[in-house]
Protein backbone atom coordinates (compact mmCIF):
# COMPACT_ATOMS: atom_id res chain seq x y z
CA UNK A 1 -134.18 143.22 162.57
CA UNK A 2 -136.83 143.83 165.17
CA UNK A 3 -138.88 147.02 165.42
CA UNK A 4 -141.30 148.36 167.97
CA UNK A 5 -144.49 149.84 166.53
CA UNK A 6 -147.28 152.08 167.71
CA UNK A 7 -150.25 151.71 165.40
CA UNK A 8 -153.19 153.80 164.35
CA UNK A 9 -156.64 152.20 164.58
CA UNK A 10 -156.54 151.32 160.87
CA UNK A 11 -153.29 149.34 161.19
CA UNK A 12 -151.06 152.06 159.74
CA UNK A 13 -147.90 152.90 161.63
CA UNK A 14 -148.06 155.92 163.93
CA UNK A 15 -144.49 155.50 165.15
CA UNK A 16 -141.70 152.95 164.95
CA UNK A 17 -138.24 152.49 166.36
CA UNK A 18 -135.58 150.03 167.44
CA UNK A 19 -136.32 150.68 171.12
CA UNK A 20 -139.67 150.48 172.88
CA UNK A 21 -141.75 153.64 172.67
CA UNK A 22 -145.11 154.73 173.96
CA UNK A 23 -147.59 152.46 175.73
CA UNK A 24 -147.85 148.84 174.62
CA UNK A 25 -145.67 148.85 171.54
CA UNK A 26 -145.86 145.85 169.23
CA UNK A 27 -142.61 144.01 168.53
CA UNK A 28 -142.28 142.72 164.95
CA UNK A 29 -139.65 141.06 162.80
CA UNK A 30 -138.69 143.06 159.74
CA UNK A 31 -137.43 141.29 156.64
CA UNK A 32 -134.20 142.43 154.98
CA UNK A 33 -134.86 145.10 152.38
CA UNK A 34 -137.96 146.53 154.06
CA UNK A 35 -137.56 150.32 154.42
CA UNK A 36 -139.91 150.58 157.41
CA UNK A 37 -137.75 153.05 159.36
CA UNK A 38 -137.36 155.47 156.46
CA UNK A 39 -140.89 155.03 155.02
CA UNK A 40 -143.20 153.80 157.79
CA UNK A 41 -146.30 155.27 156.09
CA UNK A 42 -145.92 152.69 153.32
CA UNK A 43 -146.60 149.73 155.63
CA UNK A 44 -149.54 148.16 157.37
CA UNK A 45 -149.55 145.81 160.35
CA UNK A 46 -151.81 142.98 159.22
CA UNK A 47 -152.29 139.50 160.63
CA UNK A 48 -149.29 139.86 162.96
CA UNK A 49 -146.83 141.06 160.29
CA UNK A 50 -145.75 144.17 158.44
CA UNK A 51 -146.80 144.30 154.81
CA UNK A 52 -145.99 146.92 152.22
CA UNK A 53 -149.18 148.57 151.06
CA UNK A 54 -148.74 149.92 147.55
CA UNK A 55 -151.80 152.17 147.88
CA UNK A 56 -150.28 153.81 150.95
CA UNK A 57 -146.95 154.08 149.14
CA UNK A 58 -148.67 155.73 146.17
CA UNK A 59 -150.64 158.07 148.46
CA UNK A 60 -147.45 159.06 150.26
CA UNK A 61 -145.59 159.67 147.01
CA UNK A 62 -148.44 161.85 145.71
CA UNK A 63 -148.67 163.81 148.95
CA UNK A 64 -144.91 164.44 149.11
CA UNK A 65 -144.77 165.49 145.45
CA UNK A 66 -147.71 167.87 145.83
CA UNK A 67 -146.08 169.40 148.92
CA UNK A 68 -142.84 169.84 146.94
CA UNK A 69 -144.66 171.43 144.00
CA UNK A 70 -146.53 173.80 146.32
CA UNK A 71 -143.29 174.93 147.95
CA UNK A 72 -141.69 175.62 144.56
CA UNK A 73 -144.82 177.48 143.42
CA UNK A 74 -144.67 179.74 146.45
CA UNK A 75 -140.94 180.32 145.95
CA UNK A 76 -141.51 181.28 142.31
CA UNK A 77 -144.28 183.75 143.24
CA UNK A 78 -142.22 185.32 145.98
CA UNK A 79 -139.16 185.66 143.72
CA UNK A 80 -140.61 188.80 142.10
CA UNK A 81 -141.63 189.87 138.63
CA UNK A 82 -140.63 192.25 135.83
CA UNK A 83 -142.86 194.73 134.02
CA UNK A 84 -141.94 197.38 131.44
CA UNK A 85 -138.22 197.09 132.23
CA UNK A 86 -138.69 197.32 136.00
CA UNK A 87 -138.06 194.45 138.45
CA UNK A 88 -140.29 194.28 141.51
CA UNK A 89 -140.02 192.33 144.74
CA UNK A 90 -143.14 190.27 145.46
CA UNK A 91 -142.78 188.92 148.99
CA UNK A 92 -145.96 188.62 151.04
CA UNK A 93 -145.25 192.05 152.51
CA UNK A 94 -144.74 193.48 149.02
CA UNK A 95 -148.03 191.97 147.85
CA UNK A 96 -149.79 193.53 150.81
CA UNK A 97 -148.19 196.88 150.06
CA UNK A 98 -149.22 196.65 146.39
CA UNK A 99 -152.80 195.93 147.45
CA UNK A 100 -152.87 198.75 150.00
CA UNK A 101 -151.46 201.28 147.55
CA UNK A 102 -153.81 200.12 144.80
CA UNK A 103 -156.79 200.45 147.18
CA UNK A 104 -155.78 203.99 148.08
CA UNK A 105 -155.30 204.84 144.42
CA UNK A 106 -158.75 203.52 143.51
CA UNK A 107 -160.45 205.21 146.49
CA UNK A 108 -158.84 208.63 146.06
CA UNK A 109 -159.32 210.25 142.61
CA UNK A 110 -156.91 213.01 143.52
CA UNK A 111 -153.98 210.62 143.95
CA UNK A 112 -152.09 210.79 140.67
CA UNK A 113 -148.58 209.58 141.48
CA UNK A 114 -147.32 206.50 143.32
CA UNK A 115 -143.69 206.36 144.42
CA UNK A 116 -142.37 202.76 144.37
CA UNK A 117 -138.97 201.12 144.68
CA UNK A 118 -137.87 198.91 141.81
CA UNK A 119 -135.01 196.45 142.16
CA UNK A 120 -133.15 197.54 139.05
CA UNK A 121 -134.13 201.20 138.49
CA UNK A 122 -134.31 202.55 142.03
CA UNK A 123 -137.20 204.63 143.33
CA UNK A 124 -139.58 205.72 140.59
CA UNK A 125 -142.79 207.61 140.19
CA UNK A 126 -145.69 205.82 138.52
CA UNK A 127 -148.84 207.56 137.32
CA UNK A 128 -152.23 205.99 138.04
CA UNK A 129 -152.36 203.95 134.81
CA UNK A 130 -148.77 202.76 135.13
CA UNK A 131 -149.24 201.58 138.70
CA UNK A 132 -152.50 199.78 137.89
CA UNK A 133 -150.75 198.06 134.99
CA UNK A 134 -147.90 197.07 137.31
CA UNK A 135 -150.38 195.59 139.81
CA UNK A 136 -152.01 193.66 136.98
CA UNK A 137 -148.62 192.32 135.94
CA UNK A 138 -147.99 191.19 139.51
CA UNK A 139 -151.33 189.38 139.56
CA UNK A 140 -150.57 187.70 136.19
CA UNK A 141 -147.19 186.63 137.58
CA UNK A 142 -148.89 185.05 140.60
CA UNK A 143 -151.66 183.39 138.54
CA UNK A 144 -149.13 181.93 136.10
CA UNK A 145 -147.47 179.92 138.88
CA UNK A 146 -150.70 179.05 140.70
CA UNK A 147 -152.16 177.75 137.45
CA UNK A 148 -149.06 175.61 136.79
CA UNK A 149 -149.30 174.23 140.34
CA UNK A 150 -153.01 173.38 139.96
CA UNK A 151 -152.38 171.56 136.68
CA UNK A 152 -149.45 169.61 138.07
CA UNK A 153 -151.33 168.76 141.27
CA UNK A 154 -154.26 167.36 139.28
CA UNK A 155 -151.86 165.38 137.14
CA UNK A 156 -149.97 163.95 140.11
CA UNK A 157 -153.23 163.00 141.86
CA UNK A 158 -154.21 160.97 138.79
CA UNK A 159 -150.90 159.10 138.38
CA UNK A 160 -150.75 155.47 139.41
CA UNK A 161 -147.00 154.90 139.10
CA UNK A 162 -144.51 156.09 141.74
CA UNK A 163 -141.70 156.55 139.22
CA UNK A 164 -143.89 158.79 137.10
CA UNK A 165 -144.72 160.84 140.18
CA UNK A 166 -141.08 161.21 141.17
CA UNK A 167 -140.16 162.41 137.65
CA UNK A 168 -142.51 165.40 137.82
CA UNK A 169 -141.02 168.79 138.75
CA UNK A 170 -142.47 172.26 138.75
CA UNK A 171 -140.95 173.09 135.38
CA UNK A 172 -142.47 170.03 133.73
CA UNK A 173 -144.32 170.94 130.57
CA UNK A 174 -147.68 169.57 131.64
CA UNK A 175 -149.03 169.26 128.10
CA UNK A 176 -145.93 167.40 126.98
CA UNK A 177 -146.02 165.18 130.09
CA UNK A 178 -149.66 164.27 129.53
CA UNK A 179 -149.17 163.53 125.84
CA UNK A 180 -146.14 161.27 126.51
CA UNK A 181 -147.43 159.39 129.54
CA UNK A 182 -150.01 156.66 129.25
CA UNK A 183 -150.22 156.31 133.03
CA UNK A 184 -152.86 159.01 133.39
CA UNK A 185 -156.06 160.06 131.73
CA UNK A 186 -156.50 163.62 132.94
CA UNK A 187 -155.91 165.64 129.77
CA UNK A 188 -159.45 167.04 129.89
CA UNK A 189 -159.11 167.99 133.56
CA UNK A 190 -156.00 170.10 133.22
CA UNK A 191 -156.28 171.60 129.73
């Protein structure tokens, strides 16, 4: 198969296709089994030919996995939290509303009751202490997932095997993964 390439200055592929594209594309022969069209970032144009660059492939795998983990982290945070038998929404708007209400509560000593909608118990009144505790629970919910993401990100960045990277998911028990995988030496960094 023949492909047309547009290259970056460092020899990495900016764009590729089966028809000419851009100014001065380079025409190259592609060997059977090369996945250039589906994974162009894994190849370099070097000495007149395309070569698979395992460092680029590893970098791409890490980047895609970290992006996936970040998306799941955000989804988990936004899914809401429970506290003292109440379920709360925690979208970005909800987080902003929690912060605004908490600020007003802390600035105004005369404010004793906060009215807030729960997902499972309807609209409820919370006294000052109850609402502050609820806000703390929301923050702990958020920190739990951010902490898991940070640990997994550090772990993925240290891996040197693409299969190990692809096997990581957001629910991976990071301590168990580290203890059972000899591919990485980051236990001290993420503990």
